[in-house]
Amino acid sequence: MNGVQGQARTRGNFELITWFFMRISGVLLLFLVLGHLTIMHIVNDIQEIDYAFVVGRWISPFWRIYDMLLLWLALIHGANGLRVIVDDYARHRGWRVFWKAVLYTITAVLLFMGTEVILTFRSVG
């Protein structure tokens, strides 16, 4: 009986942590996205945003960290929301494992690719 209670408590702690993460990341994402939209669509004309704009922006470590934080929070927040949907709708354990594996793989690949671009970006020419 203790083993079952211990597993339930661990699962409950994980769900509690993800619940708090969704609230905190949601608030942070609200400000990050509003800032991103303001800079990209209000302050600058869409025709000004090109490769040179990104080069000029990513010279500053602040903007790289800003964009990386936006990337990581958005992807993990979205993946966690999809994880909850999979738990709700995939009734058979096998399908639930399959869809979570697909979700985690896609999330990891996108996080790796996006982080690599932000960290290794160099201006050409």
Protein backbone atom coordinates (compact mmCIF):
# COMPACT_ATOMS: atom_id res chain seq x y z
CA MET A 1 0.00 0.00 0.00
CA ASN A 2 2.84 2.42 0.75
CA GLY A 3 4.28 1.89 -2.73
CA VAL A 4 1.02 2.96 -4.34
CA GLN A 5 0.72 6.01 -2.12
CA GLY A 6 4.34 6.94 -2.82
CA GLN A 7 3.72 6.74 -6.57
CA ALA A 8 0.56 8.81 -6.30
CA ARG A 9 2.37 11.42 -4.23
CA THR A 10 5.24 11.62 -6.74
CA ARG A 11 2.80 11.97 -9.63
CA GLY A 12 0.90 14.61 -7.65
CA ASN A 13 4.10 16.55 -7.01
CA PHE A 14 4.97 16.44 -10.72
CA GLU A 15 1.51 17.66 -11.65
CA LEU A 16 1.71 20.42 -9.03
CA ILE A 17 5.09 21.55 -10.36
CA THR A 18 3.82 21.56 -13.95
CA TRP A 19 0.69 23.44 -12.81
CA PHE A 20 2.86 26.17 -11.26
CA PHE A 21 5.15 26.17 -14.32
CA MET A 22 2.19 26.76 -16.63
CA ARG A 23 1.04 29.76 -14.58
CA ILE A 24 4.49 31.32 -14.24
CA SER A 25 5.53 30.65 -17.84
CA GLY A 26 2.17 31.94 -19.07
CA VAL A 27 2.68 35.28 -17.33
CA LEU A 28 6.30 35.52 -18.54
CA LEU A 29 5.25 34.57 -22.08
CA LEU A 30 2.59 37.28 -22.05
CA PHE A 31 5.21 39.97 -21.49
CA LEU A 32 7.81 38.38 -23.78
CA VAL A 33 5.34 37.99 -26.65
CA LEU A 34 3.92 41.50 -26.22
CA GLY A 35 7.48 42.85 -26.28
CA HIS A 36 8.32 40.78 -29.34
CA LEU A 37 5.19 41.92 -31.19
CA THR A 38 5.82 45.55 -30.25
CA ILE A 39 9.40 45.47 -31.54
CA MET A 40 8.70 43.46 -34.66
CA HIS A 41 5.38 44.97 -35.75
CA ILE A 42 4.88 48.36 -34.12
CA VAL A 43 8.31 49.94 -33.56
CA ASN A 44 9.81 48.57 -36.79
CA ASP A 45 8.17 48.39 -40.17
CA ILE A 46 7.85 44.86 -41.51
CA GLN A 47 10.00 45.80 -44.49
CA GLU A 48 12.89 46.69 -42.15
CA ILE A 49 13.03 43.19 -40.68
CA ASP A 50 15.54 41.15 -42.64
CA TYR A 51 18.84 39.34 -42.15
CA ALA A 52 20.68 42.59 -41.37
CA PHE A 53 18.05 43.44 -38.73
CA VAL A 54 18.61 40.09 -37.00
CA VAL A 55 22.39 40.50 -37.20
CA GLY A 56 22.13 43.94 -35.61
CA ARG A 57 19.77 42.71 -32.95
CA TRP A 58 21.68 39.56 -32.02
CA ILE A 59 24.94 41.43 -31.51
CA SER A 60 23.56 42.14 -28.06
CA PRO A 61 23.55 39.20 -25.61
CA PHE A 62 20.33 40.64 -24.16
CA TRP A 63 18.36 39.95 -27.35
CA ARG A 64 19.79 36.45 -27.69
CA ILE A 65 18.77 35.63 -24.12
CA TYR A 66 15.37 37.27 -24.69
CA ASP A 67 14.74 35.21 -27.82
CA MET A 68 16.05 32.01 -26.22
CA LEU A 69 13.82 32.52 -23.19
CA LEU A 70 10.87 33.08 -25.51
CA LEU A 71 11.73 29.93 -27.47
CA TRP A 72 12.21 27.70 -24.42
CA LEU A 73 9.19 28.93 -22.48
CA ALA A 74 6.87 28.76 -25.49
CA LEU A 75 7.95 25.27 -26.54
CA ILE A 76 7.92 23.77 -23.05
CA HIS A 77 4.65 25.52 -22.15
CA GLY A 78 3.03 24.24 -25.34
CA ALA A 79 4.44 20.74 -24.97
CA ASN A 80 3.19 20.56 -21.39
CA GLY A 81 -0.28 21.60 -22.53
CA LEU A 82 -0.23 18.92 -25.22
CA ARG A 83 0.96 16.38 -22.64
CA VAL A 84 -2.15 17.10 -20.58
CA ILE A 85 -4.33 16.71 -23.69
CA VAL A 86 -2.69 13.36 -24.48
CA ASP A 87 -3.29 12.23 -20.88
CA ASP A 88 -6.94 13.26 -21.16
CA TYR A 89 -7.75 11.74 -24.54
CA ALA A 90 -5.38 8.81 -25.12
CA ARG A 91 -7.15 6.16 -23.06
CA HIS A 92 -4.99 3.19 -24.01
CA ARG A 93 -1.59 3.21 -22.31
CA GLY A 94 0.19 2.19 -25.52
CA TRP A 95 -1.19 5.12 -27.49
CA ARG A 96 -0.45 7.48 -24.62
CA VAL A 97 3.19 6.35 -24.56
CA PHE A 98 3.42 6.62 -28.35
CA TRP A 99 1.99 10.16 -28.54
CA LYS A 100 4.09 11.37 -25.61
CA ALA A 101 7.22 9.94 -27.26
CA VAL A 102 6.33 11.80 -30.48
CA LEU A 103 5.63 14.99 -28.51
CA TYR A 104 8.85 14.83 -26.48
CA THR A 105 10.94 14.01 -29.56
CA ILE A 106 9.56 16.91 -31.59
CA THR A 107 9.94 19.27 -28.63
CA ALA A 108 13.55 18.20 -28.02
CA VAL A 109 14.46 18.54 -31.71
CA LEU A 110 12.92 22.02 -31.95
CA LEU A 111 14.57 23.14 -28.70
CA PHE A 112 17.94 21.84 -29.88
CA MET A 113 17.65 23.41 -33.34
CA GLY A 114 16.39 26.77 -32.05
CA THR A 115 19.00 26.96 -29.31
CA GLU A 116 21.76 26.02 -31.73
CA VAL A 117 20.71 28.79 -34.14
CA ILE A 118 20.56 31.41 -31.38
CA LEU A 119 23.88 30.40 -29.80
CA THR A 120 25.91 29.83 -32.97
CA PHE A 121 24.50 32.58 -35.19
CA ARG A 122 27.23 34.57 -36.90
CA SER A 123 26.84 37.30 -39.46
CA VAL A 124 27.94 36.36 -42.96
CA GLY A 125 30.12 38.84 -44.79
